[in-house]
Amino acid sequence: MTGKHELPKIIKDVGFDFDWSEEKVWALQIPTVDMDVAKLEWHLDVPFWWTNNGFYNLAPREVVNNPEKYKEEYERVLNADLKYPLDVMFWRGRWLFLDGLHRFVKAYLQGEKIVKVRKIPQEAIPQIKN
């Protein structure tokens, strides 16, 4: 990544090595399937979000455990619309979100065991890249 912020090691280790457009992901014609929440739960402990003065410094579990401290992010979770499926891609040995982390956290908070996902194949990377 260029600019004043360097990606944290954990994000480099688990994240994608390309930039993508959520709009391009949404436009893909991919069927929706069920997935166990347990396969995606690891996302809760990785700082995919950031605070006002930070950069990739806030893990979803911190928001879940401290909703008053992270009120703005918690509100985003509560306002997430679960009618839309989560978009995931198998990457580096596990399923990784392209879109839908806030929706996933909401489903997790509601005690869901299964979520609706669209499994985006790696072959679609050229179609979704920025």
Protein backbone atom coordinates (compact mmCIF):
# COMPACT_ATOMS: atom_id res chain seq x y z
CA MET A 1 0.00 0.00 0.00
CA THR A 2 1.25 3.44 -0.77
CA GLY A 3 0.65 6.56 1.23
CA LYS A 4 1.37 7.42 4.83
CA HIS A 5 -0.01 4.18 6.32
CA GLU A 6 1.72 0.84 6.19
CA LEU A 7 -0.52 -2.22 6.41
CA PRO A 8 -0.05 -4.07 9.71
CA LYS A 9 1.66 -7.46 9.46
CA ILE A 10 -1.50 -9.37 10.42
CA ILE A 11 -3.41 -7.75 7.55
CA LYS A 12 -0.59 -8.52 5.11
CA ASP A 13 -0.52 -12.11 6.39
CA VAL A 14 -4.25 -12.86 6.12
CA GLY A 15 -5.60 -10.25 3.71
CA PHE A 16 -5.87 -10.11 -0.04
CA ASP A 17 -2.91 -8.87 -2.08
CA PHE A 18 -5.14 -6.91 -4.48
CA ASP A 19 -7.64 -4.06 -4.25
CA TRP A 20 -11.20 -4.72 -5.35
CA SER A 21 -14.44 -2.92 -5.98
CA GLU A 22 -17.38 -3.94 -3.81
CA GLU A 23 -19.69 -2.83 -6.61
CA LYS A 24 -17.95 -5.22 -9.01
CA VAL A 25 -18.25 -8.02 -6.43
CA TRP A 26 -21.97 -7.31 -6.01
CA ALA A 27 -22.46 -7.47 -9.79
CA LEU A 28 -21.18 -11.06 -10.03
CA GLN A 29 -23.82 -13.70 -10.65
CA ILE A 30 -22.86 -16.15 -7.91
CA PRO A 31 -25.36 -18.42 -6.12
CA THR A 32 -25.97 -18.04 -2.41
CA VAL A 33 -25.14 -20.99 -0.16
CA ASP A 34 -25.15 -21.70 3.58
CA MET A 35 -21.92 -21.57 5.59
CA ASP A 36 -21.20 -22.36 9.22
CA VAL A 37 -20.45 -19.24 11.25
CA ALA A 38 -17.52 -21.14 12.79
CA LYS A 39 -15.66 -21.04 9.44
CA LEU A 40 -15.72 -17.24 9.53
CA GLU A 41 -15.37 -16.58 13.25
CA TRP A 42 -11.61 -15.99 13.00
CA HIS A 43 -12.41 -12.57 11.49
CA LEU A 44 -13.56 -11.38 14.91
CA ASP A 45 -9.98 -11.34 16.21
CA VAL A 46 -8.24 -9.55 13.34
CA PRO A 47 -8.15 -5.72 13.25
CA PHE A 48 -9.94 -5.26 9.94
CA TRP A 49 -11.49 -1.98 11.16
CA TRP A 50 -9.95 1.18 12.49
CA THR A 51 -10.68 3.93 14.96
CA ASN A 52 -10.74 7.64 14.12
CA ASN A 53 -7.03 8.04 14.83
CA GLY A 54 -5.95 4.55 13.83
CA PHE A 55 -5.44 2.33 10.83
CA TYR A 56 -6.42 -1.34 10.96
CA ASN A 57 -6.32 -1.18 14.74
CA LEU A 58 -9.78 -2.44 15.76
CA ALA A 59 -10.91 -6.07 15.79
CA PRO A 60 -14.64 -6.79 15.58
CA ARG A 61 -14.52 -8.72 18.87
CA GLU A 62 -13.37 -5.51 20.59
CA VAL A 63 -16.52 -3.81 19.30
CA VAL A 64 -18.68 -6.74 20.42
CA ASN A 65 -17.12 -6.69 23.90
CA ASN A 66 -17.09 -2.88 24.27
CA PRO A 67 -20.11 -1.47 22.41
CA GLU A 68 -20.12 1.73 24.47
CA LYS A 69 -16.45 2.44 23.75
CA TYR A 70 -16.85 1.79 20.01
CA LYS A 71 -20.36 3.16 19.67
CA GLU A 72 -20.06 4.30 16.04
CA GLU A 73 -18.78 0.93 14.78
CA TYR A 74 -21.31 -0.92 16.94
CA GLU A 75 -24.10 1.14 15.37
CA ARG A 76 -22.84 0.15 11.91
CA VAL A 77 -23.08 -3.49 13.00
CA LEU A 78 -26.60 -3.09 14.34
CA ASN A 79 -27.71 -1.28 11.18
CA ALA A 80 -26.26 -3.92 8.86
CA ASP A 81 -28.91 -5.50 6.63
CA LEU A 82 -28.85 -9.28 6.83
CA LYS A 83 -31.01 -9.70 3.73
CA TYR A 84 -27.81 -9.45 1.67
CA PRO A 85 -25.44 -12.43 1.55
CA LEU A 86 -21.82 -12.21 2.66
CA ASP A 87 -19.20 -12.30 -0.09
CA VAL A 88 -16.20 -14.53 0.68
CA MET A 89 -13.25 -15.96 -1.22
CA PHE A 90 -11.06 -18.90 -0.24
CA TRP A 91 -7.67 -17.31 0.33
CA ARG A 92 -4.54 -18.59 2.05
CA GLY A 93 -6.30 -21.64 3.41
CA ARG A 94 -9.52 -20.08 4.72
CA TRP A 95 -12.58 -18.07 3.78
CA LEU A 96 -11.96 -14.31 3.76
CA PHE A 97 -14.51 -11.51 3.41
CA LEU A 98 -14.67 -9.38 0.31
CA ASP A 99 -17.83 -7.77 1.68
CA GLY A 100 -20.10 -8.29 4.65
CA LEU A 101 -18.03 -8.17 7.83
CA HIS A 102 -20.51 -5.88 9.62
CA ARG A 103 -23.38 -8.16 8.56
CA PHE A 104 -21.42 -11.17 9.79
CA VAL A 105 -20.82 -9.56 13.19
CA LYS A 106 -24.54 -8.79 13.47
CA ALA A 107 -25.41 -12.42 12.66
CA TYR A 108 -22.83 -13.54 15.25
CA LEU A 109 -24.36 -11.22 17.88
CA GLN A 110 -27.79 -12.67 17.10
CA GLY A 111 -26.47 -16.17 17.75
CA GLU A 112 -26.78 -17.37 14.17
CA LYS A 113 -24.98 -20.65 13.43
CA ILE A 114 -25.40 -20.48 9.64
CA VAL A 115 -25.03 -17.47 7.34
CA LYS A 116 -25.81 -16.97 3.67
CA VAL A 117 -22.68 -16.43 1.58
CA ARG A 118 -21.62 -16.14 -2.02
CA LYS A 119 -18.34 -18.00 -2.58
CA ILE A 120 -16.48 -15.83 -5.05
CA PRO A 121 -13.94 -17.93 -6.99
CA GLN A 122 -10.36 -16.71 -7.34
CA GLU A 123 -10.89 -16.86 -11.09
CA ALA A 124 -13.13 -13.78 -10.66
CA ILE A 125 -10.26 -11.62 -9.37
CA PRO A 126 -9.67 -9.92 -12.77
CA GLN A 127 -13.38 -8.98 -12.86
CA ILE A 128 -13.42 -7.38 -9.39
CA LYS A 129 -10.00 -5.71 -9.23
CA ASN A 130 -9.77 -1.94 -9.06
